[in-house]
Amino acid sequence: MLSRAWRRLATELRRLGLSPSQAASAVGLFILASATARQLVRLAPKPPAVISLSATLRLLREQRVQELVYTDGGQMLLRLKSNKAVDSKESLGAVYKTMLVPGSEAAVFHLADKTSVPSFRYMPAAKGVSQLVSVALPLVFLYFWYRATKSLISREDKNSLPQASRRPRESTTFADVVGKCKVELAEIVDFLNRPQKYREAGARLPRGALLVGPSGTGKTLLARAVAGEANCHFLTASASEFVEVYVGRGAARVRELFRQAREMTPVVLFIDELDALGSRSRGNDGRGTNEEYVQTLNQLLTELDGFHGHSDGVVVLAATNRHEAIDPSLLRPGRFDRHIFVELPDEEERLEILRIHTSRARMAADPEAGVLQHIASAAQGFSGAELANVVNEAVFLALRARRSRATLEDFTHALERARLTRQRAQGVAAAQSSAAGLSRAILRAWPTAAAA
């Protein structure tokens, strides 16, 4: 348990740019400073007890005062000849303090001279350097604390900001993507390649598009394919990364992201999980608890409107699987001009997806002989990510059985496992029965297809 906690702490320190030795030094310095401060407080002299003016006059008459010190502001300090307390309530020590009543100074000074106080002197109040030190020390501490906190925040922001793709061209293209939505995205690619064509026609250049669809349908892959087809840079970020504990940090991250995008046009800026930031249900509770969220959303709207610089050549693609939850201010034309709905693939598209993913897998039979067709038919309702997982699982099953090539049986078992996972919420027995029936149906249909 301790080793796991230490590894987690070391990972967090590396994310902040601190080594374990630096963190240990900082903790040790803090402990040393705390111990020193407590020791100084313990050893500091106790403040003198405050007594009344009448008690002061009585001590002078009884000639019990060894030293009398008068300071500015009508204060007077008395040190007695012995450590005997004045009374039971004033037993903090042999030094006492009293406040003179305005106009009583002459009478007190006369009594002190009459009773022959051994030491009677005037001490001006602390001024100059001593006062400056007492005020400056807390300010210096606050300054260094502020600098340290700001350094940690800026270092965290620097490490968490999205970075541009270092490759001159994104390797993913439309050849790696299956779906009818490629037609709508092709126009965005054409705009990035030939923006002058649209300006001359008087068309308003698109700000961006919102990809809407279930998880695993390839929305991120589509965004990368657009950047690859347009031969431009690709910036990516998740909307959940923008909202932070510190108020204003999310808005700063949005500004920095769009500043990077404007410096490297043409560029595709992809924001995943847009509903994490643009949800209409947040920021409307009227209690001020979502101030950071509201500031970040407003900054995103400002950047999409192009108020902070020329944004031609910056196409913003965002993805969400909760279209109904997004704030209407984000959905209006001029921000996300197009809403592209990415649906689950049909049988023909599932077959194409399987062909793409099996092109890198070694199969025992020719993929065109009917194996992929039967898998595509049986995988109704599967997303592209689930189909890719089926192919990968089939290869693992083949390697587990020490076969160099995946067979129909491997694909069938992989599909069974995927379907069991999908149907587990409906009951284990029903899921097992459905998967067993699916396996028998594929294996019965396979010889007929192979003979044909």
Protein backbone atom coordinates (compact mmCIF):
# COMPACT_ATOMS: atom_id res chain seq x y z
CA MET A 1 0.00 0.00 0.00
CA LEU A 2 2.81 2.43 0.92
CA SER A 3 4.79 1.62 -2.22
CA ARG A 4 1.72 2.23 -4.38
CA ALA A 5 1.10 5.59 -2.69
CA TRP A 6 4.75 6.53 -3.16
CA ARG A 7 4.65 5.65 -6.87
CA ARG A 8 1.50 7.71 -7.29
CA LEU A 9 3.15 10.65 -5.49
CA ALA A 10 6.28 10.35 -7.65
CA THR A 11 4.15 10.33 -10.81
CA GLU A 12 2.31 13.47 -9.70
CA LEU A 13 5.61 15.20 -8.88
CA ARG A 14 7.01 14.37 -12.31
CA ARG A 15 3.87 15.80 -13.90
CA LEU A 16 4.55 19.06 -12.04
CA GLY A 17 8.20 19.05 -13.12
CA LEU A 18 9.59 18.31 -9.63
CA SER A 19 12.02 15.55 -8.76
CA PRO A 20 11.54 13.52 -5.55
CA SER A 21 14.71 15.10 -4.09
CA GLN A 22 13.36 18.61 -4.71
CA ALA A 23 10.05 17.70 -3.09
CA ALA A 24 11.84 16.14 -0.10
CA SER A 25 13.99 19.28 0.28
CA ALA A 26 10.91 21.50 0.21
CA VAL A 27 9.15 19.35 2.84
CA GLY A 28 12.28 19.32 5.03
CA LEU A 29 12.63 23.10 4.76
CA PHE A 30 8.98 23.54 5.70
CA ILE A 31 9.35 21.27 8.76
CA LEU A 32 12.53 23.09 9.83
CA ALA A 33 10.87 26.50 9.46
CA SER A 34 7.84 25.34 11.43
CA ALA A 35 9.99 23.94 14.25
CA THR A 36 12.09 27.13 14.38
CA ALA A 37 9.00 29.32 14.50
CA ARG A 38 7.51 27.27 17.34
CA GLN A 39 10.79 27.44 19.28
CA LEU A 40 11.02 31.22 18.84
CA VAL A 41 7.46 31.62 20.04
CA ARG A 42 8.18 29.48 23.09
CA LEU A 43 11.38 31.38 23.96
CA ALA A 44 9.96 34.83 23.29
CA PRO A 45 9.73 37.01 26.42
CA LYS A 46 6.33 37.26 27.97
CA PRO A 47 4.62 40.64 27.64
CA PRO A 48 4.55 42.76 30.79
CA ALA A 49 1.43 42.70 32.90
CA VAL A 50 -0.79 45.77 32.73
CA ILE A 51 -1.54 47.46 36.03
CA SER A 52 -3.63 50.50 36.89
CA LEU A 53 -2.28 54.01 37.47
CA SER A 54 -3.26 53.84 41.15
CA ALA A 55 -1.22 50.63 41.56
CA THR A 56 1.73 52.38 39.91
CA LEU A 57 1.51 55.29 42.34
CA ARG A 58 1.30 52.86 45.28
CA LEU A 59 4.45 51.03 44.12
CA LEU A 60 6.28 54.34 43.83
CA ARG A 61 5.25 55.42 47.35
CA GLU A 62 6.37 52.04 48.76
CA GLN A 63 9.72 52.52 46.96
CA ARG A 64 9.48 49.08 45.31
CA VAL A 65 10.35 50.35 41.83
CA GLN A 66 13.91 49.63 40.59
CA GLU A 67 13.57 51.16 37.14
CA LEU A 68 11.03 53.43 35.49
CA VAL A 69 10.89 53.80 31.69
CA TYR A 70 8.66 56.33 29.99
CA THR A 71 7.81 55.84 26.29
CA ASP A 72 5.84 57.76 23.70
CA GLY A 73 2.07 57.51 23.79
CA GLY A 74 1.74 57.78 27.59
CA GLN A 75 3.07 54.27 28.32
CA MET A 76 5.28 53.59 31.33
CA LEU A 77 7.22 50.42 32.18
CA LEU A 78 8.11 49.52 35.76
CA ARG A 79 10.70 46.96 36.94
CA LEU A 80 10.42 46.07 40.60
CA LYS A 81 13.28 45.61 43.03
CA SER A 82 12.20 41.99 43.69
CA ASN A 83 10.27 39.35 41.78
CA LYS A 84 7.41 39.52 44.21
CA ALA A 85 4.16 40.01 42.34
CA VAL A 86 2.02 43.07 42.89
CA ASP A 87 -0.99 40.89 43.70
CA SER A 88 -2.32 37.43 42.88
CA LYS A 89 -3.80 38.52 39.57
CA GLU A 90 -0.60 40.20 38.34
CA SER A 91 1.92 37.39 38.66
CA LEU A 92 3.36 37.36 35.12
CA GLY A 93 6.77 38.71 36.26
CA ALA A 94 8.62 41.66 37.75
CA VAL A 95 7.98 44.01 34.80
CA TYR A 96 4.70 45.89 34.53
CA LYS A 97 3.14 48.39 32.18
CA THR A 98 0.70 51.18 32.84
CA MET A 99 -1.01 53.88 30.81
CA LEU A 100 -0.79 57.42 32.16
CA VAL A 101 -3.91 59.53 32.22
CA PRO A 102 -3.50 62.71 30.13
CA GLY A 103 -2.24 65.46 32.45
CA SER A 104 -0.88 63.05 35.11
CA GLU A 105 2.69 62.92 33.76
CA ALA A 106 3.98 65.78 35.93
CA ALA A 107 2.62 64.23 39.15
CA VAL A 108 4.10 60.81 38.36
CA PHE A 109 7.49 62.30 37.46
CA HIS A 110 7.50 64.36 40.68
CA LEU A 111 6.66 61.27 42.78
CA ALA A 112 9.40 59.25 41.06
CA ASP A 113 11.94 61.99 41.80
CA LYS A 114 10.72 62.32 45.38
CA THR A 115 11.03 58.58 46.08
CA SER A 116 14.47 58.44 44.46
CA VAL A 117 13.81 55.74 41.85
CA PRO A 118 17.29 54.33 41.00
CA SER A 119 16.76 54.43 37.24
CA PHE A 120 14.35 56.79 35.51
CA ARG A 121 14.75 57.25 31.76
CA TYR A 122 12.92 58.03 28.57
CA MET A 123 12.85 55.52 25.66
CA PRO A 124 11.39 56.61 22.28
CA ALA A 125 9.03 54.22 20.52
CA ALA A 126 10.50 51.85 17.91
CA LYS A 127 10.91 53.59 14.58
CA GLY A 128 12.74 53.24 11.31
CA VAL A 129 14.41 49.89 10.69
CA SER A 130 12.71 47.97 13.49
CA GLN A 131 9.24 49.00 12.36
CA LEU A 132 10.13 48.29 8.73
CA VAL A 133 11.35 44.80 9.61
CA SER A 134 8.20 44.00 11.58
CA VAL A 135 6.04 44.98 8.61
CA ALA A 136 8.28 43.68 5.82
CA LEU A 137 8.83 40.15 7.11
CA PRO A 138 5.19 39.01 6.66
CA LEU A 139 5.07 40.72 3.25
CA VAL A 140 8.25 38.95 2.13
CA PHE A 141 6.82 35.62 3.25
CA LEU A 142 3.57 36.26 1.36
CA TYR A 143 5.51 37.29 -1.74
CA PHE A 144 7.58 34.10 -1.86
CA TRP A 145 4.51 31.99 -1.12
CA TYR A 146 2.70 33.68 -4.03
CA ARG A 147 5.66 33.14 -6.37
CA ALA A 148 5.92 29.46 -5.42
CA THR A 149 2.18 28.88 -5.94
CA LYS A 150 2.20 30.73 -9.27
CA SER A 151 5.22 28.73 -10.43
CA LEU A 152 3.52 25.43 -9.62
CA ILE A 153 0.31 26.46 -11.42
CA SER A 154 2.13 27.72 -14.52
CA ARG A 155 4.30 24.60 -14.62
CA GLU A 156 1.21 22.40 -14.40
CA ASP A 157 -0.48 24.41 -17.16
CA LYS A 158 2.61 24.11 -19.37
CA ASN A 159 2.71 20.35 -18.92
CA SER A 160 -1.03 19.92 -19.57
CA LEU A 161 -1.40 22.17 -22.61
CA PRO A 162 -1.98 20.27 -25.86
CA GLN A 163 0.98 19.97 -28.16
CA ALA A 164 0.98 20.20 -31.94
CA SER A 165 1.72 17.17 -34.05
CA ARG A 166 5.43 17.16 -34.94
CA ARG A 167 4.83 15.29 -38.18
CA PRO A 168 4.52 17.39 -41.36
CA ARG A 169 1.46 15.34 -42.32
CA GLU A 170 -1.05 13.38 -40.28
CA SER A 171 -0.76 9.74 -41.37
CA THR A 172 -4.49 9.00 -41.02
CA THR A 173 -6.56 9.65 -44.15
CA PHE A 174 -10.09 8.98 -45.38
CA ALA A 175 -8.86 5.58 -46.63
CA ASP A 176 -8.69 4.52 -42.97
CA VAL A 177 -12.25 5.69 -42.26
CA VAL A 178 -15.58 4.09 -43.17
CA GLY A 179 -18.84 6.01 -43.10
CA LYS A 180 -21.17 8.28 -45.01
CA CYS A 181 -20.06 11.36 -43.06
CA LYS A 182 -16.86 11.54 -45.10
CA VAL A 183 -18.78 13.43 -47.80
CA GLU A 184 -19.55 16.35 -45.46
CA LEU A 185 -16.04 16.41 -44.06
CA ALA A 186 -14.55 16.43 -47.57
CA GLU A 187 -15.81 20.02 -48.00
CA ILE A 188 -13.89 21.08 -44.89
CA VAL A 189 -10.78 19.49 -46.36
CA ASP A 190 -11.34 21.38 -49.61
CA PHE A 191 -11.68 24.64 -47.67
CA LEU A 192 -8.37 24.04 -45.89
CA ASN A 193 -6.66 23.26 -49.19
CA ARG A 194 -8.28 26.01 -51.29
CA PRO A 195 -9.71 28.78 -49.07
CA GLN A 196 -9.46 31.38 -51.85
CA LYS A 197 -12.08 29.47 -53.85
CA TYR A 198 -14.68 30.07 -51.13
CA ARG A 199 -13.69 33.70 -50.55
CA GLU A 200 -14.12 34.52 -54.24
CA ALA A 201 -17.54 32.87 -54.26
CA GLY A 202 -18.61 35.04 -51.29
CA ALA A 203 -19.10 32.09 -48.97
CA ARG A 204 -18.50 32.53 -45.26
CA LEU A 205 -15.62 30.36 -44.23
CA PRO A 206 -16.75 27.65 -41.78
CA ARG A 207 -15.65 27.95 -38.17
CA GLY A 208 -16.01 24.29 -37.38
CA ALA A 209 -18.15 21.19 -37.16
CA LEU A 210 -19.60 19.16 -34.31
CA LEU A 211 -19.30 15.38 -34.59
CA VAL A 212 -22.19 13.72 -32.77
CA GLY A 213 -22.42 10.00 -32.22
CA PRO A 214 -22.16 7.11 -29.76
CA SER A 215 -18.84 6.19 -28.22
CA GLY A 216 -16.53 4.15 -30.41
CA THR A 217 -17.89 5.34 -33.77
CA GLY A 218 -14.59 6.95 -34.78
CA LYS A 219 -15.13 10.66 -34.18
CA THR A 220 -11.50 11.21 -33.19
CA LEU A 221 -10.35 9.14 -36.17
CA LEU A 222 -12.45 11.31 -38.48
CA ALA A 223 -10.83 14.47 -37.11
CA ARG A 224 -7.36 13.03 -37.67
CA ALA A 225 -8.36 11.98 -41.17
CA VAL A 226 -9.44 15.54 -41.98
CA ALA A 227 -6.03 16.83 -40.90
CA GLY A 228 -4.31 14.09 -42.89
CA GLU A 229 -6.28 14.77 -46.07
CA ALA A 230 -5.68 18.53 -45.76
CA ASN A 231 -1.98 18.03 -45.01
CA CYS A 232 -2.16 20.41 -42.04
CA HIS A 233 -1.30 20.41 -38.36
CA PHE A 234 -3.50 18.68 -35.81
CA LEU A 235 -4.11 20.02 -32.30
CA THR A 236 -6.19 18.07 -29.82
CA ALA A 237 -7.53 18.68 -26.32
CA SER A 238 -10.25 17.35 -24.06
CA ALA A 239 -12.85 19.81 -22.78
CA SER A 240 -12.57 18.31 -19.30
CA GLU A 241 -8.93 19.49 -19.13
CA PHE A 242 -9.93 23.15 -19.20
CA VAL A 243 -11.95 23.41 -15.97
CA GLU A 244 -9.61 23.65 -12.97
CA VAL A 245 -9.83 24.36 -9.27
CA TYR A 246 -8.18 27.76 -9.70
CA VAL A 247 -10.53 30.40 -11.07
CA GLY A 248 -9.30 31.77 -14.38
CA ARG A 249 -6.92 28.92 -15.24
CA GLY A 250 -9.41 27.26 -17.60
CA ALA A 251 -9.91 30.48 -19.57
CA ALA A 252 -6.13 30.91 -19.80
CA ARG A 253 -5.78 27.40 -21.21
CA VAL A 254 -8.42 28.09 -23.85
CA ARG A 255 -6.61 31.29 -24.89
CA GLU A 256 -3.27 29.47 -25.09
CA LEU A 257 -4.75 26.65 -27.17
CA PHE A 258 -6.23 29.01 -29.74
CA ARG A 259 -3.05 31.11 -29.76
CA GLN A 260 -1.10 28.00 -30.75
CA ALA A 261 -3.67 27.22 -33.42
CA ARG A 262 -3.47 30.70 -34.97
CA GLU A 263 0.33 30.47 -35.14
CA MET A 264 0.29 27.26 -37.20
CA THR A 265 -2.56 27.73 -39.68
CA PRO A 266 -3.87 25.84 -41.51
CA VAL A 267 -4.72 23.61 -38.58
CA VAL A 268 -7.47 21.30 -37.37
CA LEU A 269 -8.25 21.90 -33.70
CA PHE A 270 -10.09 18.93 -32.18
CA ILE A 271 -11.90 19.27 -28.83
CA ASP A 272 -13.12 15.96 -27.46
CA GLU A 273 -15.94 15.51 -24.91
CA LEU A 274 -17.38 18.96 -25.60
CA ASP A 275 -20.35 18.25 -23.31
CA ALA A 276 -17.94 18.28 -20.32
CA LEU A 277 -17.54 22.03 -20.85
CA GLY A 278 -20.60 23.10 -22.82
CA SER A 279 -23.32 21.40 -20.78
CA ARG A 280 -26.47 23.48 -20.44
CA SER A 281 -27.16 22.02 -16.98
CA ARG A 282 -24.03 23.59 -15.44
CA GLY A 283 -23.49 27.17 -14.46
CA ASN A 284 -27.23 27.86 -13.97
CA ASP A 285 -27.62 27.07 -10.28
CA GLY A 286 -27.50 30.78 -9.33
CA ARG A 287 -25.18 30.17 -6.37
CA GLY A 288 -21.89 31.17 -7.98
CA THR A 289 -20.43 27.70 -7.47
CA ASN A 290 -19.51 27.31 -11.15
CA GLU A 291 -17.69 30.59 -11.74
CA GLU A 292 -14.67 28.82 -13.21
CA TYR A 293 -16.89 26.81 -15.55
CA VAL A 294 -18.74 29.92 -16.75
CA GLN A 295 -15.52 31.86 -17.36
CA THR A 296 -14.02 29.00 -19.35
CA LEU A 297 -17.15 28.56 -21.48
CA ASN A 298 -17.34 32.30 -22.18
CA GLN A 299 -13.69 32.31 -23.25
CA LEU A 300 -14.35 29.41 -25.62
CA LEU A 301 -17.30 31.28 -27.15
CA THR A 302 -15.14 34.38 -27.58
CA GLU A 303 -12.41 32.40 -29.35
CA LEU A 304 -14.92 30.70 -31.64
CA ASP A 305 -16.28 34.14 -32.59
CA GLY A 306 -12.76 35.22 -33.57
CA PHE A 307 -12.61 38.29 -31.31
CA HIS A 308 -9.01 37.61 -30.26
CA GLY A 309 -7.39 37.52 -33.67
CA HIS A 310 -7.71 36.42 -37.26
CA SER A 311 -8.89 32.80 -37.20
CA ASP A 312 -9.03 31.96 -40.92
CA GLY A 313 -7.36 28.63 -41.50
CA VAL A 314 -8.37 27.32 -38.06
CA VAL A 315 -11.11 24.71 -38.27
CA VAL A 316 -12.50 23.54 -34.94
CA LEU A 317 -13.86 20.01 -34.81
CA ALA A 318 -15.55 18.92 -31.60
CA ALA A 319 -16.99 15.57 -30.56
CA THR A 320 -19.78 14.62 -28.19
CA ASN A 321 -22.13 11.75 -27.52
CA ARG A 322 -24.63 13.97 -25.64
CA HIS A 323 -25.87 16.45 -28.22
CA GLU A 324 -28.98 17.29 -26.21
CA ALA A 325 -26.93 18.36 -23.17
CA ILE A 326 -24.81 21.01 -24.92
CA ASP A 327 -25.50 24.69 -24.30
CA PRO A 328 -27.41 26.26 -27.24
CA SER A 329 -24.90 29.12 -27.37
CA LEU A 330 -22.32 26.64 -28.67
CA LEU A 331 -24.62 25.12 -31.27
CA ARG A 332 -25.65 28.24 -33.16
CA PRO A 333 -24.24 28.90 -36.68
CA GLY A 334 -21.02 30.88 -36.67
CA ARG A 335 -19.48 28.68 -34.02
CA PHE A 336 -20.20 25.12 -35.07
CA ASP A 337 -21.68 25.61 -38.52
CA ARG A 338 -22.33 21.93 -39.14
CA HIS A 339 -23.57 19.11 -36.98
CA ILE A 340 -22.39 15.81 -38.43
CA PHE A 341 -24.09 12.76 -36.96
CA VAL A 342 -21.84 9.70 -36.89
CA GLU A 343 -24.10 6.65 -36.68
CA LEU A 344 -23.30 3.05 -35.88
CA PRO A 345 -22.11 1.24 -39.03
CA ASP A 346 -24.50 -0.87 -41.09
CA GLU A 347 -23.57 -4.33 -42.38
CA GLU A 348 -21.70 -3.06 -45.44
CA GLU A 349 -19.74 -0.56 -43.36
CA ARG A 350 -18.97 -3.19 -40.73
CA LEU A 351 -17.52 -5.37 -43.47
CA GLU A 352 -15.29 -2.53 -44.68
CA ILE A 353 -14.15 -1.83 -41.12
CA LEU A 354 -13.26 -5.49 -40.62
CA ARG A 355 -11.30 -5.50 -43.88
CA ILE A 356 -9.28 -2.48 -42.75
CA HIS A 357 -8.42 -4.02 -39.38
CA THR A 358 -7.74 -7.53 -40.70
CA SER A 359 -5.35 -6.21 -43.35
CA ARG A 360 -2.66 -6.28 -40.65
CA ALA A 361 -3.72 -9.66 -39.18
CA ARG A 362 -2.64 -13.03 -40.54
CA MET A 363 -5.66 -15.25 -41.16
CA ALA A 364 -5.79 -18.96 -41.86
CA ALA A 365 -8.34 -18.51 -44.66
CA ASP A 366 -8.81 -15.89 -47.35
CA PRO A 367 -10.75 -12.99 -45.78
CA GLU A 368 -12.83 -12.71 -48.93
CA ALA A 369 -13.97 -16.35 -48.65
CA GLY A 370 -16.84 -15.40 -46.36
CA VAL A 371 -15.38 -15.18 -42.86
CA LEU A 372 -15.62 -11.41 -42.59
CA GLN A 373 -19.05 -11.36 -44.19
CA HIS A 374 -20.47 -13.68 -41.54
CA ILE A 375 -18.76 -11.77 -38.73
CA ALA A 376 -20.12 -8.47 -40.10
CA SER A 377 -23.64 -9.94 -40.30
CA ALA A 378 -23.49 -11.29 -36.76
CA ALA A 379 -22.02 -8.09 -35.25
CA GLN A 380 -25.16 -6.01 -35.63
CA GLY A 381 -25.05 -2.91 -33.42
CA PHE A 382 -21.27 -3.03 -32.95
CA SER A 383 -19.28 0.18 -33.25
CA GLY A 384 -16.03 0.53 -35.14
CA ALA A 385 -14.02 0.38 -31.93
CA GLU A 386 -15.77 -2.84 -30.89
CA LEU A 387 -15.07 -4.42 -34.28
CA ALA A 388 -11.40 -3.48 -33.99
CA ASN A 389 -11.37 -5.10 -30.56
CA VAL A 390 -12.94 -8.28 -32.00
CA VAL A 391 -10.15 -8.56 -34.59
CA ASN A 392 -7.47 -7.91 -31.95
CA GLU A 393 -9.02 -10.45 -29.58
CA ALA A 394 -9.12 -13.07 -32.36
CA VAL A 395 -5.38 -12.60 -32.97
CA PHE A 396 -4.70 -12.99 -29.23
CA LEU A 397 -6.75 -16.20 -29.13
CA ALA A 398 -4.74 -17.59 -32.04
CA LEU A 399 -1.45 -16.75 -30.33
CA ARG A 400 -2.72 -18.26 -27.08
CA ALA A 401 -3.40 -21.52 -28.95
CA ARG A 402 0.09 -21.27 -30.52
CA ARG A 403 -1.27 -20.75 -34.01
CA SER A 404 0.38 -18.29 -36.35
CA ARG A 405 -2.89 -17.38 -38.08
CA ALA A 406 -6.35 -16.50 -36.80
CA THR A 407 -9.14 -18.88 -37.80
CA LEU A 408 -12.91 -18.58 -38.04
CA GLU A 409 -13.17 -20.20 -34.62
CA ASP A 410 -10.95 -17.47 -33.12
CA PHE A 411 -13.13 -14.75 -34.63
CA THR A 412 -16.28 -16.50 -33.41
CA HIS A 413 -15.02 -16.78 -29.84
CA ALA A 414 -13.85 -13.15 -29.91
CA LEU A 415 -17.29 -12.08 -31.10
CA GLU A 416 -18.91 -14.18 -28.35
CA ARG A 417 -16.81 -12.46 -25.72
CA ALA A 418 -17.66 -9.00 -27.06
CA ARG A 419 -21.36 -9.82 -27.13
CA LEU A 420 -21.24 -11.22 -23.60
CA THR A 421 -19.75 -7.95 -22.43
CA ARG A 422 -22.50 -5.95 -24.16
CA GLN A 423 -25.33 -8.11 -22.80
CA ARG A 424 -24.08 -8.67 -19.26
CA ALA A 425 -26.43 -6.03 -17.91
CA GLN A 426 -29.37 -8.05 -19.24
CA GLY A 427 -28.44 -11.17 -17.29
CA VAL A 428 -25.58 -13.64 -17.54
CA ALA A 429 -27.74 -16.64 -18.52
CA ALA A 430 -29.48 -14.81 -21.36
CA ALA A 431 -26.17 -13.46 -22.63
CA GLN A 432 -24.53 -16.91 -22.63
CA SER A 433 -27.50 -18.43 -24.45
CA SER A 434 -27.42 -15.69 -27.09
CA ALA A 435 -23.66 -16.02 -27.58
CA ALA A 436 -23.85 -19.81 -27.88
CA GLY A 437 -26.60 -19.52 -30.50
CA LEU A 438 -24.52 -16.94 -32.38
CA SER A 439 -21.51 -19.27 -32.42
CA ARG A 440 -23.52 -22.23 -33.73
CA ALA A 441 -25.14 -20.08 -36.44
CA ILE A 442 -21.79 -18.80 -37.75
CA LEU A 443 -20.17 -22.23 -37.74
CA ARG A 444 -23.18 -23.79 -39.53
CA ALA A 445 -23.20 -21.08 -42.18
CA TRP A 446 -19.45 -21.17 -42.79
CA PRO A 447 -19.21 -24.49 -44.80
CA THR A 448 -22.03 -23.37 -47.11
CA ALA A 449 -20.31 -20.05 -47.80
CA ALA A 450 -16.94 -21.72 -48.32
CA ALA A 451 -18.41 -24.23 -50.79
CA ALA A 452 -20.08 -21.44 -52.73
